[in-house]
Amino acid sequence: MVPTTAGSSHKIDFVREELIIDVPQDMEPAQWPECCIYRVPKRLRQANNEAYTPKLISIGPFHHGKDELKEMEMLKVRYFKDFWYRTGKCQKDLASVIKDNEVKIRHCYAENFDINSEDFVKMVLLDSAFIIELFLRADAGEYKNDYILSKPWLSNNIKEDLILLENQLPLFILKELHNQFSMSEKNKNISFLELARGYLNHDDKEEHAEKEVKHAEKEEQAKKEVKHAEKEVKHFTDLKRYYYCPSDRKTGKVISDLYNATKLYEAGVIFKMAKNEGLLNINFHQPSHLEKCPCFSCSWLLGLLC
């Protein structure tokens, strides 16, 4: 035990009095419960920066105002104009939905942004109107005269930008705007999530289409999937991930030794491509061999969803 003198004891008491950390009473939490949109970790960006960076269009606050993406801003305004006319409402009515939900929208992002309220509302409204108008045009088959849809290369690049994690708006605000303003007699039975799935997953559905399955059966299955997803999906990156997940999400046995397809084939496993299946809907025929495995093309884009 180390003895202390009266002087040192007085010094300790003084330090205790001085070391008081000032904690603000209104200090915000590190992360809000609504938080679902993040920046890509630096480790992943260093491996492939381009894979996580929008090439043509910015959506939301992370890449807002970047010089290399400003070319598409005027196109957003054109789409907003048509969306505004489509609704038959005044701009204040549209903006009020964003304004009323501004705090909740901001809480969906993992960062605070130095954007004043007016500019934030304008940004979200412009980006939301662009997305909804694009999806409505695609659903109506308005390809011939549309600047984006008439150019497959441009439409595909826009799709890639729309599923990037840093390029997202919360899905709830898009659904709110669509439900209040852009639903009509023609599309009243189509939810916003169905519109989004139709545009973002169009190529996937064509590639994996089962020729023997009737169109009506496929549509019925798609509606069931969308109804399920309504409760879970937070944004478009999440939507894409959702449709790549296995339909049966039961936890199975943990496999300690994983072998690649080449080694499995050499060991006698026979692979058969399964059409119209989810990416991870892999079936094992008891007792020991693989029966069906969805065939897919690996690309940098799939890396975004991992």
C-alpha atoms as a PDB file:
ATOM      1  CA  MET A   1       0.000   0.000   0.000  1.00  0.00           C
ATOM      2  CA  VAL A   2       1.493   3.342  -1.060  1.00  0.00           C
ATOM      3  CA  PRO A   3       1.243   6.053   1.603  1.00  0.00           C
ATOM      4  CA  THR A   4      -0.110   9.458   0.562  1.00  0.00           C
ATOM      5  CA  THR A   5       0.636  12.841   2.045  1.00  0.00           C
ATOM      6  CA  ALA A   6      -1.895  15.529   2.767  1.00  0.00           C
ATOM      7  CA  GLY A   7      -0.573  17.522  -0.204  1.00  0.00           C
ATOM      8  CA  SER A   8      -1.035  14.730  -2.730  1.00  0.00           C
ATOM      9  CA  SER A   9      -4.518  13.998  -1.376  1.00  0.00           C
ATOM     10  CA  HIS A  10      -5.476  17.634  -1.933  1.00  0.00           C
ATOM     11  CA  LYS A  11      -4.126  17.417  -5.500  1.00  0.00           C
ATOM     12  CA  ILE A  12      -6.260  14.345  -6.272  1.00  0.00           C
ATOM     13  CA  ASP A  13      -9.384  16.096  -4.958  1.00  0.00           C
ATOM     14  CA  PHE A  14      -8.599  19.083  -7.180  1.00  0.00           C
ATOM     15  CA  VAL A  15      -8.226  16.867 -10.279  1.00  0.00           C
ATOM     16  CA  ARG A  16     -11.522  15.154  -9.514  1.00  0.00           C
ATOM     17  CA  GLU A  17     -13.252  18.514  -9.390  1.00  0.00           C
ATOM     18  CA  GLU A  18     -11.702  19.713 -12.664  1.00  0.00           C
ATOM     19  CA  LEU A  19     -12.257  16.567 -14.771  1.00  0.00           C
ATOM     20  CA  ILE A  20     -15.910  17.091 -15.603  1.00  0.00           C
ATOM     21  CA  ILE A  21     -16.951  16.248 -19.177  1.00  0.00           C
ATOM     22  CA  ASP A  22     -19.575  18.582 -20.541  1.00  0.00           C
ATOM     23  CA  VAL A  23     -22.304  16.402 -22.074  1.00  0.00           C
ATOM     24  CA  PRO A  24     -25.057  18.344 -23.925  1.00  0.00           C
ATOM     25  CA  GLN A  25     -28.558  17.624 -22.643  1.00  0.00           C
ATOM     26  CA  ASP A  26     -29.942  17.440 -26.205  1.00  0.00           C
ATOM     27  CA  MET A  27     -27.150  15.222 -27.573  1.00  0.00           C
ATOM     28  CA  GLU A  28     -28.426  13.073 -30.450  1.00  0.00           C
ATOM     29  CA  PRO A  29     -27.884   9.286 -30.433  1.00  0.00           C
ATOM     30  CA  ALA A  30     -25.022   7.865 -32.499  1.00  0.00           C
ATOM     31  CA  GLN A  31     -27.579   6.079 -34.656  1.00  0.00           C
ATOM     32  CA  TRP A  32     -31.337   6.484 -34.947  1.00  0.00           C
ATOM     33  CA  PRO A  33     -33.636   3.421 -35.063  1.00  0.00           C
ATOM     34  CA  GLU A  34     -34.649   4.373 -38.633  1.00  0.00           C
ATOM     35  CA  CYS A  35     -31.022   4.327 -39.859  1.00  0.00           C
ATOM     36  CA  CYS A  36     -30.631   2.091 -42.918  1.00  0.00           C
ATOM     37  CA  ILE A  37     -28.476   4.003 -45.453  1.00  0.00           C
ATOM     38  CA  TYR A  38     -24.713   4.089 -44.916  1.00  0.00           C
ATOM     39  CA  ARG A  39     -21.459   4.963 -46.589  1.00  0.00           C
ATOM     40  CA  VAL A  40     -19.569   2.024 -48.036  1.00  0.00           C
ATOM     41  CA  PRO A  41     -16.657   1.106 -45.706  1.00  0.00           C
ATOM     42  CA  LYS A  42     -13.252   2.408 -46.807  1.00  0.00           C
ATOM     43  CA  ARG A  43     -11.864  -1.121 -46.997  1.00  0.00           C
ATOM     44  CA  LEU A  44     -14.354  -2.021 -49.736  1.00  0.00           C
ATOM     45  CA  ARG A  45     -13.877   1.278 -51.569  1.00  0.00           C
ATOM     46  CA  GLN A  46     -10.124   0.766 -51.691  1.00  0.00           C
ATOM     47  CA  ALA A  47     -10.646  -2.600 -53.378  1.00  0.00           C
ATOM     48  CA  ASN A  48     -12.964  -1.240 -56.085  1.00  0.00           C
ATOM     49  CA  ASN A  49     -13.953   2.402 -55.719  1.00  0.00           C
ATOM     50  CA  GLU A  50     -15.883   2.583 -59.014  1.00  0.00           C
ATOM     51  CA  ALA A  51     -18.203  -0.247 -58.001  1.00  0.00           C
ATOM     52  CA  TYR A  52     -19.740   1.867 -55.247  1.00  0.00           C
ATOM     53  CA  THR A  53     -19.782   5.289 -56.943  1.00  0.00           C
ATOM     54  CA  PRO A  54     -22.652   6.536 -59.152  1.00  0.00           C
ATOM     55  CA  LYS A  55     -21.610   7.161 -62.752  1.00  0.00           C
ATOM     56  CA  LEU A  56     -24.515   9.237 -64.074  1.00  0.00           C
ATOM     57  CA  ILE A  57     -26.989  10.345 -61.446  1.00  0.00           C
ATOM     58  CA  SER A  58     -27.013  11.228 -57.763  1.00  0.00           C
ATOM     59  CA  ILE A  59     -29.903  10.219 -55.521  1.00  0.00           C
ATOM     60  CA  GLY A  60     -30.046  11.438 -51.940  1.00  0.00           C
ATOM     61  CA  PRO A  61     -27.466  13.496 -50.022  1.00  0.00           C
ATOM     62  CA  PHE A  62     -24.237  11.447 -50.172  1.00  0.00           C
ATOM     63  CA  HIS A  63     -23.276  12.429 -53.743  1.00  0.00           C
ATOM     64  CA  HIS A  64     -25.533  15.460 -54.115  1.00  0.00           C
ATOM     65  CA  GLY A  65     -23.961  18.393 -55.973  1.00  0.00           C
ATOM     66  CA  LYS A  66     -20.928  16.551 -57.363  1.00  0.00           C
ATOM     67  CA  ASP A  67     -19.709  18.164 -60.581  1.00  0.00           C
ATOM     68  CA  GLU A  68     -19.425  14.902 -62.508  1.00  0.00           C
ATOM     69  CA  LEU A  69     -23.125  14.140 -61.851  1.00  0.00           C
ATOM     70  CA  LYS A  70     -24.617  17.584 -62.528  1.00  0.00           C
ATOM     71  CA  GLU A  71     -25.365  16.834 -66.182  1.00  0.00           C
ATOM     72  CA  MET A  72     -28.391  14.757 -65.159  1.00  0.00           C
ATOM     73  CA  GLU A  73     -29.875  17.437 -62.889  1.00  0.00           C
ATOM     74  CA  MET A  74     -31.739  19.150 -65.739  1.00  0.00           C
ATOM     75  CA  LEU A  75     -33.170  15.786 -66.788  1.00  0.00           C
ATOM     76  CA  LYS A  76     -34.453  15.357 -63.233  1.00  0.00           C
ATOM     77  CA  VAL A  77     -36.210  18.722 -63.558  1.00  0.00           C
ATOM     78  CA  ARG A  78     -37.880  17.599 -66.810  1.00  0.00           C
ATOM     79  CA  TYR A  79     -39.110  14.411 -65.146  1.00  0.00           C
ATOM     80  CA  PHE A  80     -40.295  16.408 -62.133  1.00  0.00           C
ATOM     81  CA  LYS A  81     -42.283  18.706 -64.419  1.00  0.00           C
ATOM     82  CA  ASP A  82     -44.085  15.745 -66.000  1.00  0.00           C
ATOM     83  CA  PHE A  83     -44.669  14.126 -62.601  1.00  0.00           C
ATOM     84  CA  TRP A  84     -46.060  17.404 -61.251  1.00  0.00           C
ATOM     85  CA  TYR A  85     -48.448  17.739 -64.221  1.00  0.00           C
ATOM     86  CA  ARG A  86     -49.408  14.084 -63.835  1.00  0.00           C
ATOM     87  CA  THR A  87     -50.514  14.657 -60.234  1.00  0.00           C
ATOM     88  CA  GLY A  88     -52.540  17.803 -60.925  1.00  0.00           C
ATOM     89  CA  LYS A  89     -51.388  19.206 -57.584  1.00  0.00           C
ATOM     90  CA  CYS A  90     -49.422  22.332 -56.735  1.00  0.00           C
ATOM     91  CA  GLN A  91     -45.743  22.040 -55.851  1.00  0.00           C
ATOM     92  CA  LYS A  92     -46.446  23.039 -52.241  1.00  0.00           C
ATOM     93  CA  ASP A  93     -48.655  19.968 -51.804  1.00  0.00           C
ATOM     94  CA  LEU A  94     -45.856  17.727 -53.048  1.00  0.00           C
ATOM     95  CA  ALA A  95     -43.208  19.465 -50.946  1.00  0.00           C
ATOM     96  CA  SER A  96     -45.342  19.308 -47.799  1.00  0.00           C
ATOM     97  CA  VAL A  97     -45.123  15.499 -47.767  1.00  0.00           C
ATOM     98  CA  ILE A  98     -41.323  15.728 -47.757  1.00  0.00           C
ATOM     99  CA  LYS A  99     -41.321  18.534 -45.189  1.00  0.00           C
ATOM    100  CA  ASP A 100     -43.602  16.628 -42.818  1.00  0.00           C
ATOM    101  CA  ASN A 101     -41.235  13.635 -42.974  1.00  0.00           C
ATOM    102  CA  GLU A 102     -37.925  15.524 -43.129  1.00  0.00           C
ATOM    103  CA  VAL A 103     -36.694  14.497 -39.677  1.00  0.00           C
ATOM    104  CA  LYS A 104     -37.524  10.830 -40.285  1.00  0.00           C
ATOM    105  CA  ILE A 105     -35.800  10.931 -43.687  1.00  0.00           C
ATOM    106  CA  ARG A 106     -32.652  12.466 -42.184  1.00  0.00           C
ATOM    107  CA  HIS A 107     -32.628   9.794 -39.474  1.00  0.00           C
ATOM    108  CA  CYS A 108     -32.471   7.104 -42.181  1.00  0.00           C
ATOM    109  CA  TYR A 109     -28.901   8.185 -43.019  1.00  0.00           C
ATOM    110  CA  ALA A 110     -25.867   7.234 -40.952  1.00  0.00           C
ATOM    111  CA  GLU A 111     -24.449  10.754 -41.272  1.00  0.00           C
ATOM    112  CA  ASN A 112     -25.620  14.291 -40.587  1.00  0.00           C
ATOM    113  CA  PHE A 113     -25.593  16.544 -43.642  1.00  0.00           C
ATOM    114  CA  ASP A 114     -24.936  20.273 -43.681  1.00  0.00           C
ATOM    115  CA  ILE A 115     -27.940  20.944 -45.927  1.00  0.00           C
ATOM    116  CA  ASN A 116     -30.553  23.441 -44.781  1.00  0.00           C
ATOM    117  CA  SER A 117     -34.183  22.372 -44.570  1.00  0.00           C
ATOM    118  CA  GLU A 118     -35.354  24.065 -47.774  1.00  0.00           C
ATOM    119  CA  ASP A 119     -32.562  22.615 -49.915  1.00  0.00           C
ATOM    120  CA  PHE A 120     -32.981  19.171 -48.339  1.00  0.00           C
ATOM    121  CA  VAL A 121     -36.714  19.118 -49.121  1.00  0.00           C
ATOM    122  CA  LYS A 122     -36.062  20.253 -52.718  1.00  0.00           C
ATOM    123  CA  MET A 123     -33.402  17.571 -53.194  1.00  0.00           C
ATOM    124  CA  VAL A 124     -35.595  14.748 -51.891  1.00  0.00           C
ATOM    125  CA  LEU A 125     -38.627  15.937 -53.873  1.00  0.00           C
ATOM    126  CA  LEU A 126     -36.687  16.247 -57.136  1.00  0.00           C
ATOM    127  CA  ASP A 127     -35.025  12.845 -56.731  1.00  0.00           C
ATOM    128  CA  SER A 128     -38.272  11.160 -55.657  1.00  0.00           C
ATOM    129  CA  ALA A 129     -40.288  12.611 -58.537  1.00  0.00           C
ATOM    130  CA  PHE A 130     -37.617  11.516 -61.025  1.00  0.00           C
ATOM    131  CA  ILE A 131     -37.680   7.933 -59.757  1.00  0.00           C
ATOM    132  CA  ILE A 132     -41.469   7.611 -59.612  1.00  0.00           C
ATOM    133  CA  GLU A 133     -41.965   9.176 -63.052  1.00  0.00           C
ATOM    134  CA  LEU A 134     -39.307   6.887 -64.559  1.00  0.00           C
ATOM    135  CA  PHE A 135     -40.939   3.787 -63.062  1.00  0.00           C
ATOM    136  CA  LEU A 136     -44.413   4.836 -64.228  1.00  0.00           C
ATOM    137  CA  ARG A 137     -43.177   5.391 -67.780  1.00  0.00           C
ATOM    138  CA  ALA A 138     -41.439   2.021 -67.798  1.00  0.00           C
ATOM    139  CA  ASP A 139     -44.574   0.293 -66.502  1.00  0.00           C
ATOM    140  CA  ALA A 140     -46.692   1.973 -69.195  1.00  0.00           C
ATOM    141  CA  GLY A 141     -44.247   0.888 -71.909  1.00  0.00           C
ATOM    142  CA  GLU A 142     -43.424   4.466 -72.908  1.00  0.00           C
ATOM    143  CA  TYR A 143     -40.043   3.572 -74.373  1.00  0.00           C
ATOM    144  CA  LYS A 144     -40.081   5.177 -77.807  1.00  0.00           C
ATOM    145  CA  ASN A 145     -40.103   8.852 -76.842  1.00  0.00           C
ATOM    146  CA  ASP A 146     -38.463   8.655 -73.422  1.00  0.00           C
ATOM    147  CA  TYR A 147     -34.912   9.994 -73.147  1.00  0.00           C
ATOM    148  CA  ILE A 148     -33.769   7.199 -70.820  1.00  0.00           C
ATOM    149  CA  LEU A 149     -35.957   4.226 -71.742  1.00  0.00           C
ATOM    150  CA  SER A 150     -35.334   4.635 -75.485  1.00  0.00           C
ATOM    151  CA  LYS A 151     -31.610   4.057 -74.865  1.00  0.00           C
ATOM    152  CA  PRO A 152     -30.945   0.610 -73.326  1.00  0.00           C
ATOM    153  CA  TRP A 153     -27.343   1.486 -72.419  1.00  0.00           C
ATOM    154  CA  LEU A 154     -28.511   4.585 -70.526  1.00  0.00           C
ATOM    155  CA  SER A 155     -31.389   2.805 -68.824  1.00  0.00           C
ATOM    156  CA  ASN A 156     -29.060   0.031 -67.651  1.00  0.00           C
ATOM    157  CA  ASN A 157     -26.543   2.529 -66.278  1.00  0.00           C
ATOM    158  CA  ILE A 158     -29.318   4.362 -64.440  1.00  0.00           C
ATOM    159  CA  LYS A 159     -30.450   1.041 -62.946  1.00  0.00           C
ATOM    160  CA  GLU A 160     -26.942   0.373 -61.685  1.00  0.00           C
ATOM    161  CA  ASP A 161     -26.776   3.809 -60.067  1.00  0.00           C
ATOM    162  CA  LEU A 162     -30.196   3.373 -58.451  1.00  0.00           C
ATOM    163  CA  ILE A 163     -29.164   0.272 -56.492  1.00  0.00           C
ATOM    164  CA  LEU A 164     -25.924   1.697 -55.065  1.00  0.00           C
ATOM    165  CA  LEU A 165     -26.026   1.875 -51.264  1.00  0.00           C
ATOM    166  CA  GLU A 166     -24.813   5.483 -51.110  1.00  0.00           C
ATOM    167  CA  ASN A 167     -27.357   6.527 -53.748  1.00  0.00           C
ATOM    168  CA  GLN A 168     -30.596   5.837 -51.905  1.00  0.00           C
ATOM    169  CA  LEU A 169     -33.755   7.465 -50.639  1.00  0.00           C
ATOM    170  CA  PRO A 170     -35.804   5.739 -47.928  1.00  0.00           C
ATOM    171  CA  LEU A 171     -38.450   3.619 -49.600  1.00  0.00           C
ATOM    172  CA  PHE A 172     -41.207   4.866 -47.304  1.00  0.00           C
ATOM    173  CA  ILE A 173     -41.131   8.422 -48.720  1.00  0.00           C
ATOM    174  CA  LEU A 174     -41.287   7.168 -52.320  1.00  0.00           C
ATOM    175  CA  LYS A 175     -44.284   5.007 -51.440  1.00  0.00           C
ATOM    176  CA  GLU A 176     -45.937   7.921 -49.646  1.00  0.00           C
ATOM    177  CA  LEU A 177     -45.600  10.238 -52.660  1.00  0.00           C
ATOM    178  CA  HIS A 178     -46.791   7.574 -55.087  1.00  0.00           C
ATOM    179  CA  ASN A 179     -49.773   6.580 -52.946  1.00  0.00           C
ATOM    180  CA  GLN A 180     -50.892  10.174 -52.430  1.00  0.00           C
ATOM    181  CA  PHE A 181     -50.285  11.701 -55.838  1.00  0.00           C
ATOM    182  CA  SER A 182     -49.431   9.419 -58.751  1.00  0.00           C
ATOM    183  CA  MET A 183     -51.833   6.494 -58.439  1.00  0.00           C
ATOM    184  CA  SER A 184     -54.496   6.593 -61.155  1.00  0.00           C
ATOM    185  CA  GLU A 185     -57.246   4.353 -62.513  1.00  0.00           C
ATOM    186  CA  LYS A 186     -54.663   2.669 -64.730  1.00  0.00           C
ATOM    187  CA  ASN A 187     -52.192   1.794 -61.983  1.00  0.00           C
ATOM    188  CA  LYS A 188     -54.321   1.840 -58.801  1.00  0.00           C
ATOM    189  CA  ASN A 189     -53.761  -1.891 -58.270  1.00  0.00           C
ATOM    190  CA  ILE A 190     -49.977  -1.617 -58.629  1.00  0.00           C
ATOM    191  CA  SER A 191     -47.988  -0.814 -55.503  1.00  0.00           C
ATOM    192  CA  PHE A 192     -44.839   1.282 -55.701  1.00  0.00           C
ATOM    193  CA  LEU A 193     -42.771  -1.769 -54.804  1.00  0.00           C
ATOM    194  CA  GLU A 194     -44.204  -3.595 -57.820  1.00  0.00           C
ATOM    195  CA  LEU A 195     -43.239  -0.642 -60.036  1.00  0.00           C
ATOM    196  CA  ALA A 196     -39.721  -0.685 -58.583  1.00  0.00           C
ATOM    197  CA  ARG A 197     -39.381  -4.426 -59.007  1.00  0.00           C
ATOM    198  CA  GLY A 198     -40.631  -4.213 -62.585  1.00  0.00           C
ATOM    199  CA  TYR A 199     -37.978  -1.662 -63.522  1.00  0.00           C
ATOM    200  CA  LEU A 200     -34.983  -2.765 -61.458  1.00  0.00           C
ATOM    201  CA  ASN A 201     -35.439  -6.522 -61.916  1.00  0.00           C
ATOM    202  CA  HIS A 202     -36.577  -6.486 -65.547  1.00  0.00           C
ATOM    203  CA  ASP A 203     -33.384  -8.061 -66.936  1.00  0.00           C
ATOM    204  CA  ASP A 204     -33.246 -10.687 -64.199  1.00  0.00           C
ATOM    205  CA  LYS A 205     -36.792 -11.812 -64.920  1.00  0.00           C
ATOM    206  CA  GLU A 206     -36.077 -12.108 -68.638  1.00  0.00           C
ATOM    207  CA  GLU A 207     -32.824 -13.981 -68.116  1.00  0.00           C
ATOM    208  CA  HIS A 208     -34.257 -16.562 -65.723  1.00  0.00           C
ATOM    209  CA  ALA A 209     -37.757 -16.831 -67.217  1.00  0.00           C
ATOM    210  CA  GLU A 210     -39.223 -20.312 -67.144  1.00  0.00           C
ATOM    211  CA  LYS A 211     -40.737 -20.932 -70.563  1.00  0.00           C
ATOM    212  CA  GLU A 212     -43.025 -23.679 -69.291  1.00  0.00           C
ATOM    213  CA  VAL A 213     -44.530 -21.538 -66.516  1.00  0.00           C
ATOM    214  CA  LYS A 214     -47.605 -19.571 -67.554  1.00  0.00           C
ATOM    215  CA  HIS A 215     -47.480 -15.777 -67.395  1.00  0.00           C
ATOM    216  CA  ALA A 216     -50.378 -15.599 -64.919  1.00  0.00           C
ATOM    217  CA  GLU A 217     -48.634 -17.980 -62.520  1.00  0.00           C
ATOM    218  CA  LYS A 218     -45.446 -15.921 -62.623  1.00  0.00           C
ATOM    219  CA  GLU A 219     -47.383 -12.728 -61.964  1.00  0.00           C
ATOM    220  CA  GLU A 220     -49.169 -14.304 -59.004  1.00  0.00           C
ATOM    221  CA  GLN A 221     -45.862 -15.439 -57.508  1.00  0.00           C
ATOM    222  CA  ALA A 222     -44.356 -11.988 -58.062  1.00  0.00           C
ATOM    223  CA  LYS A 223     -47.266 -10.350 -56.214  1.00  0.00           C
ATOM    224  CA  LYS A 224     -46.783 -12.693 -53.263  1.00  0.00           C
ATOM    225  CA  GLU A 225     -43.083 -11.828 -53.133  1.00  0.00           C
ATOM    226  CA  VAL A 226     -43.828  -8.097 -53.288  1.00  0.00           C
ATOM    227  CA  LYS A 227     -46.398  -8.363 -50.485  1.00  0.00           C
ATOM    228  CA  HIS A 228     -43.788 -10.099 -48.333  1.00  0.00           C
ATOM    229  CA  ALA A 229     -41.131  -7.520 -49.198  1.00  0.00           C
ATOM    230  CA  GLU A 230     -43.388  -4.564 -48.303  1.00  0.00           C
ATOM    231  CA  LYS A 231     -42.745  -5.226 -44.605  1.00  0.00           C
ATOM    232  CA  GLU A 232     -38.981  -5.652 -44.850  1.00  0.00           C
ATOM    233  CA  VAL A 233     -37.417  -3.599 -47.649  1.00  0.00           C
ATOM    234  CA  LYS A 234     -35.930  -0.210 -46.685  1.00  0.00           C
ATOM    235  CA  HIS A 235     -34.507   1.029 -50.024  1.00  0.00           C
ATOM    236  CA  PHE A 236     -33.560  -0.190 -53.524  1.00  0.00           C
ATOM    237  CA  THR A 237     -30.265  -1.827 -52.513  1.00  0.00           C
ATOM    238  CA  ASP A 238     -32.236  -3.748 -49.920  1.00  0.00           C
ATOM    239  CA  LEU A 239     -34.872  -4.618 -52.527  1.00  0.00           C
ATOM    240  CA  LYS A 240     -32.247  -6.106 -54.838  1.00  0.00           C
ATOM    241  CA  ARG A 241     -30.736  -8.067 -51.955  1.00  0.00           C
ATOM    242  CA  TYR A 242     -34.186  -9.287 -50.921  1.00  0.00           C
ATOM    243  CA  TYR A 243     -34.834 -10.914 -54.301  1.00  0.00           C
ATOM    244  CA  TYR A 244     -31.428 -12.596 -54.295  1.00  0.00           C
ATOM    245  CA  CYS A 245     -32.059 -14.147 -50.879  1.00  0.00           C
ATOM    246  CA  PRO A 246     -33.462 -17.692 -50.715  1.00  0.00           C
ATOM    247  CA  SER A 247     -37.244 -17.857 -50.511  1.00  0.00           C
ATOM    248  CA  ASP A 248     -36.987 -20.328 -47.627  1.00  0.00           C
ATOM    249  CA  ARG A 249     -34.813 -18.621 -45.018  1.00  0.00           C
ATOM    250  CA  LYS A 250     -34.692 -21.408 -42.470  1.00  0.00           C
ATOM    251  CA  THR A 251     -31.317 -21.901 -40.846  1.00  0.00           C
ATOM    252  CA  GLY A 252     -29.788 -25.229 -41.796  1.00  0.00           C
ATOM    253  CA  LYS A 253     -26.732 -27.136 -40.647  1.00  0.00           C
ATOM    254  CA  VAL A 254     -23.461 -25.234 -40.644  1.00  0.00           C
ATOM    255  CA  ILE A 255     -21.115 -26.538 -43.365  1.00  0.00           C
ATOM    256  CA  SER A 256     -17.575 -26.528 -42.044  1.00  0.00           C
ATOM    257  CA  ASP A 257     -15.794 -27.486 -45.301  1.00  0.00           C
ATOM    258  CA  LEU A 258     -16.774 -25.516 -48.409  1.00  0.00           C
ATOM    259  CA  TYR A 259     -15.621 -26.649 -51.852  1.00  0.00           C
ATOM    260  CA  ASN A 260     -15.848 -24.748 -55.123  1.00  0.00           C
ATOM    261  CA  ALA A 261     -17.875 -25.983 -58.097  1.00  0.00           C
ATOM    262  CA  THR A 262     -14.822 -27.397 -59.886  1.00  0.00           C
ATOM    263  CA  LYS A 263     -13.885 -29.657 -56.978  1.00  0.00           C
ATOM    264  CA  LEU A 264     -17.487 -30.752 -56.490  1.00  0.00           C
ATOM    265  CA  TYR A 265     -17.764 -31.623 -60.193  1.00  0.00           C
ATOM    266  CA  GLU A 266     -14.510 -33.587 -60.069  1.00  0.00           C
ATOM    267  CA  ALA A 267     -15.897 -35.476 -57.083  1.00  0.00           C
ATOM    268  CA  GLY A 268     -18.927 -36.534 -59.108  1.00  0.00           C
ATOM    269  CA  VAL A 269     -21.512 -33.876 -58.311  1.00  0.00           C
ATOM    270  CA  ILE A 270     -23.814 -33.227 -61.268  1.00  0.00           C
ATOM    271  CA  PHE A 271     -24.984 -29.620 -61.691  1.00  0.00           C
ATOM    272  CA  LYS A 272     -28.260 -28.730 -63.337  1.00  0.00           C
ATOM    273  CA  MET A 273     -29.273 -25.138 -64.052  1.00  0.00           C
ATOM    274  CA  ALA A 274     -32.552 -24.179 -62.380  1.00  0.00           C
ATOM    275  CA  LYS A 275     -34.614 -21.588 -64.232  1.00  0.00           C
ATOM    276  CA  ASN A 276     -36.805 -18.902 -62.680  1.00  0.00           C
ATOM    277  CA  GLU A 277     -35.200 -19.395 -59.270  1.00  0.00           C
ATOM    278  CA  GLY A 278     -33.773 -16.999 -56.720  1.00  0.00           C
ATOM    279  CA  LEU A 279     -30.004 -16.704 -56.749  1.00  0.00           C
ATOM    280  CA  LEU A 280     -29.635 -18.601 -53.471  1.00  0.00           C
ATOM    281  CA  ASN A 281     -32.468 -21.112 -53.922  1.00  0.00           C
ATOM    282  CA  ILE A 282     -30.150 -24.122 -53.994  1.00  0.00           C
ATOM    283  CA  ASN A 283     -31.756 -27.537 -53.546  1.00  0.00           C
ATOM    284  CA  PHE A 284     -29.966 -30.554 -52.090  1.00  0.00           C
ATOM    285  CA  HIS A 285     -31.376 -33.977 -52.865  1.00  0.00           C
ATOM    286  CA  GLN A 286     -30.952 -36.295 -49.908  1.00  0.00           C
ATOM    287  CA  PRO A 287     -28.817 -37.971 -48.902  1.00  0.00           C
ATOM    288  CA  SER A 288     -25.797 -36.275 -50.398  1.00  0.00           C
ATOM    289  CA  HIS A 289     -25.871 -34.740 -53.846  1.00  0.00           C
ATOM    290  CA  LEU A 290     -26.740 -31.330 -55.248  1.00  0.00           C
ATOM    291  CA  GLU A 291     -29.856 -31.304 -57.409  1.00  0.00           C
ATOM    292  CA  LYS A 292     -30.513 -27.747 -58.563  1.00  0.00           C
ATOM    293  CA  CYS A 293     -28.403 -24.617 -58.411  1.00  0.00           C
ATOM    294  CA  PRO A 294     -29.379 -21.282 -60.035  1.00  0.00           C
ATOM    295  CA  CYS A 295     -27.004 -20.213 -62.782  1.00  0.00           C
ATOM    296  CA  PHE A 296     -25.810 -16.607 -62.647  1.00  0.00           C
ATOM    297  CA  SER A 297     -23.139 -14.378 -64.136  1.00  0.00           C
ATOM    298  CA  CYS A 298     -20.687 -12.979 -61.610  1.00  0.00           C
ATOM    299  CA  SER A 299     -19.951  -9.280 -62.002  1.00  0.00           C
ATOM    300  CA  TRP A 300     -18.793  -6.337 -59.931  1.00  0.00           C
ATOM    301  CA  LEU A 301     -22.450  -5.418 -59.512  1.00  0.00           C
ATOM    302  CA  LEU A 302     -23.185  -8.466 -57.360  1.00  0.00           C
ATOM    303  CA  GLY A 303     -20.412  -7.317 -55.041  1.00  0.00           C
ATOM    304  CA  LEU A 304     -22.541  -4.311 -54.108  1.00  0.00           C
ATOM    305  CA  LEU A 305     -25.112  -6.537 -52.479  1.00  0.00           C
ATOM    306  CA  CYS A 306     -22.770  -8.596 -50.316  1.00  0.00           C
END
